Amino acid sequence: WHLVLLVFLPFFLYIKTVGYQLINFDDVQIIVNNFDFLMNIKNIGAAFQTDAFMSPHGDYYRPLQTVTLMFDTIIGEGRAWIYHFSNLIYHIFTVISFYYLLRLLKIKNLSALFVALVFSVHPLLASSVSWIPARGDVLIGLFGVLSFVTFIKYLITHKPVFLLLHIAVFLLAIFSKESAILLPVMLFFYLAFMKEQKLIEKLKELIPFIVIWLS
């Protein structure tokens, strides 16, 4: 029933956003003005060579955002509802992942549920869920949380699969929004202050991750 609450509370709160239209606040510049680009699946490779506005020069390198918008455009043929619906689905997956992370941190069931539910409906996240160009924020939230999950799971089990999964979700976070470069700093502070180990042991555990992050 925890999972049911985590899915349906944000779903029923934000489902009305599916009826929102495109607005002239980056929606037009990103989607309408680049409709032909987004409609062509062959442009996936080009998405990794352009910025968020499909320009070869820019400050916002978010290729995964572009790729997800591309799939939305092809599926929904440019209709606004599909973009809003996708934002909502990504947000729900983030909520579930965040709840799992809290449980992984040994937070009690009901406390983890309460915190995750507050997160799922918090007003600070409203613009990220309801505004299409904030897709990068939603994606970095999802893959940022999964980066923490895979990082902690590897520290607990030392199974290579979690190291490989960490590589995958960390790359996806980097491709979602440029601020993901701060994730290694956050993970380092978690290891430094949260895990009860000697400093030498902590540094040894960090070696494979440092190689990944610097690569």
C-alpha atoms as a PDB file:
ATOM      1  CA  TRP A   1       0.000   0.000   0.000  1.00  0.00           C
ATOM      2  CA  HIS A   2       3.016   2.280   0.340  1.00  0.00           C
ATOM      3  CA  LEU A   3       3.683   1.909  -3.374  1.00  0.00           C
ATOM      4  CA  VAL A   4       0.029   2.627  -4.185  1.00  0.00           C
ATOM      5  CA  LEU A   5       0.166   5.888  -2.215  1.00  0.00           C
ATOM      6  CA  LEU A   6       3.477   6.894  -3.767  1.00  0.00           C
ATOM      7  CA  VAL A   7       2.053   6.423  -7.253  1.00  0.00           C
ATOM      8  CA  PHE A   8      -1.492   7.721  -6.918  1.00  0.00           C
ATOM      9  CA  LEU A   9      -0.977  10.804  -4.719  1.00  0.00           C
ATOM     10  CA  PRO A  10       1.322  12.640  -7.174  1.00  0.00           C
ATOM     11  CA  PHE A  11      -0.632  11.191 -10.113  1.00  0.00           C
ATOM     12  CA  PHE A  12      -3.956  12.649  -9.004  1.00  0.00           C
ATOM     13  CA  LEU A  13      -2.345  15.918  -7.940  1.00  0.00           C
ATOM     14  CA  TYR A  14      -0.565  16.511 -11.250  1.00  0.00           C
ATOM     15  CA  ILE A  15      -2.811  14.722 -13.765  1.00  0.00           C
ATOM     16  CA  LYS A  16      -4.499  18.033 -14.585  1.00  0.00           C
ATOM     17  CA  THR A  17      -1.186  19.236 -16.059  1.00  0.00           C
ATOM     18  CA  VAL A  18      -1.766  16.831 -18.939  1.00  0.00           C
ATOM     19  CA  GLY A  19      -4.403  19.288 -20.150  1.00  0.00           C
ATOM     20  CA  TYR A  20      -1.952  22.190 -20.229  1.00  0.00           C
ATOM     21  CA  GLN A  21      -0.891  23.610 -23.569  1.00  0.00           C
ATOM     22  CA  LEU A  22       2.502  24.708 -24.862  1.00  0.00           C
ATOM     23  CA  ILE A  23       3.416  28.204 -23.733  1.00  0.00           C
ATOM     24  CA  ASN A  24       5.768  30.758 -25.210  1.00  0.00           C
ATOM     25  CA  PHE A  25       8.266  30.300 -22.401  1.00  0.00           C
ATOM     26  CA  ASP A  26      10.895  28.032 -23.969  1.00  0.00           C
ATOM     27  CA  ASP A  27       8.208  25.518 -25.024  1.00  0.00           C
ATOM     28  CA  VAL A  28       7.997  27.165 -28.426  1.00  0.00           C
ATOM     29  CA  GLN A  29      11.766  27.610 -28.792  1.00  0.00           C
ATOM     30  CA  ILE A  30      12.551  24.026 -27.813  1.00  0.00           C
ATOM     31  CA  ILE A  31       9.623  22.063 -29.271  1.00  0.00           C
ATOM     32  CA  VAL A  32       7.653  24.049 -31.861  1.00  0.00           C
ATOM     33  CA  ASN A  33      10.694  25.619 -33.537  1.00  0.00           C
ATOM     34  CA  ASN A  34      12.463  22.244 -33.659  1.00  0.00           C
ATOM     35  CA  PHE A  35       9.497  20.044 -34.515  1.00  0.00           C
ATOM     36  CA  ASP A  36      11.061  18.553 -37.660  1.00  0.00           C
ATOM     37  CA  PHE A  37      14.281  17.760 -35.772  1.00  0.00           C
ATOM     38  CA  LEU A  38      12.376  16.084 -32.914  1.00  0.00           C
ATOM     39  CA  MET A  39      10.158  14.098 -35.270  1.00  0.00           C
ATOM     40  CA  ASN A  40      13.145  12.373 -36.889  1.00  0.00           C
ATOM     41  CA  ILE A  41      14.443   9.454 -34.814  1.00  0.00           C
ATOM     42  CA  LYS A  42      17.659   9.541 -36.835  1.00  0.00           C
ATOM     43  CA  ASN A  43      18.582  12.756 -35.026  1.00  0.00           C
ATOM     44  CA  ILE A  44      19.304  10.963 -31.743  1.00  0.00           C
ATOM     45  CA  GLY A  45      23.026  11.147 -32.437  1.00  0.00           C
ATOM     46  CA  ALA A  46      22.747  14.851 -33.239  1.00  0.00           C
ATOM     47  CA  ALA A  47      21.039  15.398 -29.875  1.00  0.00           C
ATOM     48  CA  PHE A  48      24.392  14.671 -28.219  1.00  0.00           C
ATOM     49  CA  GLN A  49      26.106  17.321 -30.326  1.00  0.00           C
ATOM     50  CA  THR A  50      23.734  20.188 -29.602  1.00  0.00           C
ATOM     51  CA  ASP A  51      22.424  22.074 -26.575  1.00  0.00           C
ATOM     52  CA  ALA A  52      18.892  21.992 -25.123  1.00  0.00           C
ATOM     53  CA  PHE A  53      17.700  24.367 -27.877  1.00  0.00           C
ATOM     54  CA  MET A  54      19.153  22.116 -30.622  1.00  0.00           C
ATOM     55  CA  SER A  55      21.866  24.663 -31.291  1.00  0.00           C
ATOM     56  CA  PRO A  56      25.494  23.601 -31.936  1.00  0.00           C
ATOM     57  CA  HIS A  57      26.610  26.267 -29.474  1.00  0.00           C
ATOM     58  CA  GLY A  58      25.041  26.879 -26.059  1.00  0.00           C
ATOM     59  CA  ASP A  59      25.379  26.631 -22.305  1.00  0.00           C
ATOM     60  CA  TYR A  60      22.727  23.985 -21.650  1.00  0.00           C
ATOM     61  CA  TYR A  61      24.016  20.534 -22.587  1.00  0.00           C
ATOM     62  CA  ARG A  62      21.066  18.216 -21.934  1.00  0.00           C
ATOM     63  CA  PRO A  63      20.987  15.555 -24.655  1.00  0.00           C
ATOM     64  CA  LEU A  64      18.869  13.097 -22.673  1.00  0.00           C
ATOM     65  CA  GLN A  65      16.214  15.793 -22.301  1.00  0.00           C
ATOM     66  CA  THR A  66      16.258  16.220 -26.075  1.00  0.00           C
ATOM     67  CA  VAL A  67      16.043  12.470 -26.683  1.00  0.00           C
ATOM     68  CA  THR A  68      13.038  12.053 -24.361  1.00  0.00           C
ATOM     69  CA  LEU A  69      11.324  15.023 -25.999  1.00  0.00           C
ATOM     70  CA  MET A  70      12.050  13.381 -29.342  1.00  0.00           C
ATOM     71  CA  PHE A  71      10.230  10.194 -28.305  1.00  0.00           C
ATOM     72  CA  ASP A  72       7.319  12.289 -26.982  1.00  0.00           C
ATOM     73  CA  THR A  73       7.098  14.207 -30.248  1.00  0.00           C
ATOM     74  CA  ILE A  74       7.076  11.039 -32.343  1.00  0.00           C
ATOM     75  CA  ILE A  75       4.495   9.285 -30.128  1.00  0.00           C
ATOM     76  CA  GLY A  76       2.223  12.288 -29.601  1.00  0.00           C
ATOM     77  CA  GLU A  77       2.907  13.954 -32.953  1.00  0.00           C
ATOM     78  CA  GLY A  78       3.606  17.250 -31.228  1.00  0.00           C
ATOM     79  CA  ARG A  79       0.502  17.344 -29.033  1.00  0.00           C
ATOM     80  CA  ALA A  80       1.136  19.020 -25.697  1.00  0.00           C
ATOM     81  CA  TRP A  81      -0.371  16.346 -23.447  1.00  0.00           C
ATOM     82  CA  ILE A  82       2.330  13.763 -24.132  1.00  0.00           C
ATOM     83  CA  TYR A  83       5.126  16.025 -22.849  1.00  0.00           C
ATOM     84  CA  HIS A  84       3.269  16.807 -19.633  1.00  0.00           C
ATOM     85  CA  PHE A  85       2.316  13.169 -19.127  1.00  0.00           C
ATOM     86  CA  SER A  86       5.938  12.072 -19.520  1.00  0.00           C
ATOM     87  CA  ASN A  87       7.087  14.644 -16.955  1.00  0.00           C
ATOM     88  CA  LEU A  88       4.535  13.210 -14.524  1.00  0.00           C
ATOM     89  CA  ILE A  89       5.628   9.608 -15.114  1.00  0.00           C
ATOM     90  CA  TYR A  90       9.294  10.497 -14.595  1.00  0.00           C
ATOM     91  CA  HIS A  91       8.342  12.318 -11.393  1.00  0.00           C
ATOM     92  CA  ILE A  92       6.487   9.270 -10.063  1.00  0.00           C
ATOM     93  CA  PHE A  93       9.491   7.045 -10.760  1.00  0.00           C
ATOM     94  CA  THR A  94      11.634   9.588  -8.882  1.00  0.00           C
ATOM     95  CA  VAL A  95       9.291   9.469  -5.889  1.00  0.00           C
ATOM     96  CA  ILE A  96       9.453   5.656  -5.771  1.00  0.00           C
ATOM     97  CA  SER A  97      13.252   5.711  -6.111  1.00  0.00           C
ATOM     98  CA  PHE A  98      13.525   8.310  -3.356  1.00  0.00           C
ATOM     99  CA  TYR A  99      11.404   6.162  -1.040  1.00  0.00           C
ATOM    100  CA  TYR A 100      13.655   3.181  -1.759  1.00  0.00           C
ATOM    101  CA  LEU A 101      16.724   5.308  -1.019  1.00  0.00           C
ATOM    102  CA  LEU A 102      15.270   6.338   2.342  1.00  0.00           C
ATOM    103  CA  ARG A 103      14.633   2.702   3.231  1.00  0.00           C
ATOM    104  CA  LEU A 104      18.172   1.873   2.137  1.00  0.00           C
ATOM    105  CA  LEU A 105      19.380   4.516   4.612  1.00  0.00           C
ATOM    106  CA  LYS A 106      17.590   2.551   7.373  1.00  0.00           C
ATOM    107  CA  ILE A 107      14.810   5.099   7.839  1.00  0.00           C
ATOM    108  CA  LYS A 108      11.694   3.464   9.274  1.00  0.00           C
ATOM    109  CA  ASN A 109       8.881   2.476   6.918  1.00  0.00           C
ATOM    110  CA  LEU A 110       6.298   5.071   7.922  1.00  0.00           C
ATOM    111  CA  SER A 111       8.867   7.856   8.245  1.00  0.00           C
ATOM    112  CA  ALA A 112      10.233   7.057   4.781  1.00  0.00           C
ATOM    113  CA  LEU A 113       6.713   6.969   3.384  1.00  0.00           C
ATOM    114  CA  PHE A 114       5.822  10.327   4.934  1.00  0.00           C
ATOM    115  CA  VAL A 115       8.977  12.034   3.666  1.00  0.00           C
ATOM    116  CA  ALA A 116       8.538  10.572   0.173  1.00  0.00           C
ATOM    117  CA  LEU A 117       4.889  11.671   0.047  1.00  0.00           C
ATOM    118  CA  VAL A 118       5.828  15.205   1.108  1.00  0.00           C
ATOM    119  CA  PHE A 119       8.494  15.189  -1.582  1.00  0.00           C
ATOM    120  CA  SER A 120       5.981  13.973  -4.172  1.00  0.00           C
ATOM    121  CA  VAL A 121       3.627  16.926  -3.659  1.00  0.00           C
ATOM    122  CA  HIS A 122       5.992  19.655  -2.479  1.00  0.00           C
ATOM    123  CA  PRO A 123       5.291  23.022  -4.163  1.00  0.00           C
ATOM    124  CA  LEU A 124       8.986  23.515  -4.946  1.00  0.00           C
ATOM    125  CA  LEU A 125       8.720  20.701  -7.482  1.00  0.00           C
ATOM    126  CA  ALA A 126       5.518  21.940  -9.116  1.00  0.00           C
ATOM    127  CA  SER A 127       7.275  23.882 -11.872  1.00  0.00           C
ATOM    128  CA  SER A 128       9.571  20.954 -12.697  1.00  0.00           C
ATOM    129  CA  VAL A 129       6.637  18.589 -13.171  1.00  0.00           C
ATOM    130  CA  SER A 130       4.263  20.982 -14.945  1.00  0.00           C
ATOM    131  CA  TRP A 131       6.714  22.907 -17.166  1.00  0.00           C
ATOM    132  CA  ILE A 132       7.923  20.932 -20.178  1.00  0.00           C
ATOM    133  CA  PRO A 133      11.403  22.547 -20.511  1.00  0.00           C
ATOM    134  CA  ALA A 134      12.089  21.487 -16.908  1.00  0.00           C
ATOM    135  CA  ARG A 135      12.384  17.910 -18.169  1.00  0.00           C
ATOM    136  CA  GLY A 136      16.107  18.058 -17.408  1.00  0.00           C
ATOM    137  CA  ASP A 137      15.347  18.799 -13.729  1.00  0.00           C
ATOM    138  CA  VAL A 138      12.991  15.829 -13.486  1.00  0.00           C
ATOM    139  CA  LEU A 139      15.493  13.514 -15.157  1.00  0.00           C
ATOM    140  CA  ILE A 140      18.468  14.592 -13.068  1.00  0.00           C
ATOM    141  CA  GLY A 141      16.305  14.075  -9.977  1.00  0.00           C
ATOM    142  CA  LEU A 142      15.523  10.516 -11.025  1.00  0.00           C
ATOM    143  CA  PHE A 143      19.028   9.496 -12.063  1.00  0.00           C
ATOM    144  CA  GLY A 144      20.625  11.446  -9.217  1.00  0.00           C
ATOM    145  CA  VAL A 145      18.626   9.414  -6.695  1.00  0.00           C
ATOM    146  CA  LEU A 146      19.466   6.194  -8.549  1.00  0.00           C
ATOM    147  CA  SER A 147      23.144   7.185  -8.455  1.00  0.00           C
ATOM    148  CA  PHE A 148      22.898   7.284  -4.669  1.00  0.00           C
ATOM    149  CA  VAL A 149      21.022   3.971  -4.587  1.00  0.00           C
ATOM    150  CA  THR A 150      23.556   2.123  -6.730  1.00  0.00           C
ATOM    151  CA  PHE A 151      26.468   3.730  -4.865  1.00  0.00           C
ATOM    152  CA  ILE A 152      25.153   2.589  -1.481  1.00  0.00           C
ATOM    153  CA  LYS A 153      24.158  -0.858  -2.762  1.00  0.00           C
ATOM    154  CA  TYR A 154      27.713  -1.417  -4.024  1.00  0.00           C
ATOM    155  CA  LEU A 155      29.190  -0.317  -0.693  1.00  0.00           C
ATOM    156  CA  ILE A 156      26.911  -2.802   1.071  1.00  0.00           C
ATOM    157  CA  THR A 157      27.257  -5.802  -1.263  1.00  0.00           C
ATOM    158  CA  HIS A 158      30.408  -5.101  -3.363  1.00  0.00           C
ATOM    159  CA  LYS A 159      28.635  -6.756  -6.291  1.00  0.00           C
ATOM    160  CA  PRO A 160      29.992  -5.574  -9.681  1.00  0.00           C
ATOM    161  CA  VAL A 161      26.442  -5.284 -11.043  1.00  0.00           C
ATOM    162  CA  PHE A 162      25.797  -2.256  -8.837  1.00  0.00           C
ATOM    163  CA  LEU A 163      29.027  -0.646 -10.010  1.00  0.00           C
ATOM    164  CA  LEU A 164      27.923  -1.128 -13.619  1.00  0.00           C
ATOM    165  CA  LEU A 165      24.465   0.223 -12.821  1.00  0.00           C
ATOM    166  CA  HIS A 166      26.081   3.219 -11.157  1.00  0.00           C
ATOM    167  CA  ILE A 167      28.058   3.939 -14.310  1.00  0.00           C
ATOM    168  CA  ALA A 168      24.846   3.815 -16.357  1.00  0.00           C
ATOM    169  CA  VAL A 169      22.700   6.049 -14.132  1.00  0.00           C
ATOM    170  CA  PHE A 170      25.556   8.497 -13.488  1.00  0.00           C
ATOM    171  CA  LEU A 171      26.010   8.942 -17.238  1.00  0.00           C
ATOM    172  CA  LEU A 172      22.266   9.410 -17.660  1.00  0.00           C
ATOM    173  CA  ALA A 173      22.329  12.061 -14.919  1.00  0.00           C
ATOM    174  CA  ILE A 174      25.214  13.866 -16.647  1.00  0.00           C
ATOM    175  CA  PHE A 175      23.312  13.785 -19.942  1.00  0.00           C
ATOM    176  CA  SER A 176      20.163  15.062 -18.206  1.00  0.00           C
ATOM    177  CA  LYS A 177      21.584  18.294 -16.817  1.00  0.00           C
ATOM    178  CA  GLU A 178      25.060  19.731 -16.465  1.00  0.00           C
ATOM    179  CA  SER A 179      24.761  20.268 -12.689  1.00  0.00           C
ATOM    180  CA  ALA A 180      25.050  16.474 -12.254  1.00  0.00           C
ATOM    181  CA  ILE A 181      28.808  16.992 -12.024  1.00  0.00           C
ATOM    182  CA  LEU A 182      28.155  17.808  -8.349  1.00  0.00           C
ATOM    183  CA  LEU A 183      26.876  14.279  -7.638  1.00  0.00           C
ATOM    184  CA  PRO A 184      30.360  12.863  -6.851  1.00  0.00           C
ATOM    185  CA  VAL A 185      30.818  15.586  -4.223  1.00  0.00           C
ATOM    186  CA  MET A 186      27.528  14.623  -2.560  1.00  0.00           C
ATOM    187  CA  LEU A 187      28.387  10.931  -2.673  1.00  0.00           C
ATOM    188  CA  PHE A 188      31.815  11.623  -1.193  1.00  0.00           C
ATOM    189  CA  PHE A 189      30.272  13.503   1.733  1.00  0.00           C
ATOM    190  CA  TYR A 190      27.838  10.647   2.312  1.00  0.00           C
ATOM    191  CA  LEU A 191      30.712   8.194   2.537  1.00  0.00           C
ATOM    192  CA  ALA A 192      32.800  10.546   4.688  1.00  0.00           C
ATOM    193  CA  PHE A 193      30.156  11.366   7.283  1.00  0.00           C
ATOM    194  CA  MET A 194      27.514   8.647   7.151  1.00  0.00           C
ATOM    195  CA  LYS A 195      29.405   5.390   6.849  1.00  0.00           C
ATOM    196  CA  GLU A 196      31.221   4.177   9.946  1.00  0.00           C
ATOM    197  CA  GLN A 197      34.619   3.126   8.643  1.00  0.00           C
ATOM    198  CA  LYS A 198      38.224   4.129   8.951  1.00  0.00           C
ATOM    199  CA  LEU A 199      39.378   6.795   6.503  1.00  0.00           C
ATOM    200  CA  ILE A 200      41.724   4.410   4.667  1.00  0.00           C
ATOM    201  CA  GLU A 201      38.923   1.893   4.150  1.00  0.00           C
ATOM    202  CA  LYS A 202      36.614   4.623   2.834  1.00  0.00           C
ATOM    203  CA  LEU A 203      39.222   5.812   0.354  1.00  0.00           C
ATOM    204  CA  LYS A 204      39.773   2.244  -0.886  1.00  0.00           C
ATOM    205  CA  GLU A 205      36.052   1.874  -1.530  1.00  0.00           C
ATOM    206  CA  LEU A 206      36.028   5.147  -3.448  1.00  0.00           C
ATOM    207  CA  ILE A 207      38.752   4.158  -5.925  1.00  0.00           C
ATOM    208  CA  PRO A 208      36.509   2.483  -8.564  1.00  0.00           C
ATOM    209  CA  PHE A 209      34.041   5.373  -8.334  1.00  0.00           C
ATOM    210  CA  ILE A 210      36.742   8.009  -8.690  1.00  0.00           C
ATOM    211  CA  VAL A 211      37.871   6.260 -11.873  1.00  0.00           C
ATOM    212  CA  ILE A 212      34.285   6.324 -13.155  1.00  0.00           C
ATOM    213  CA  TRP A 213      33.646   9.959 -12.244  1.00  0.00           C
ATOM    214  CA  LEU A 214      36.897  11.219 -13.756  1.00  0.00           C
ATOM    215  CA  SER A 215      36.367   9.237 -16.938  1.00  0.00           C
END
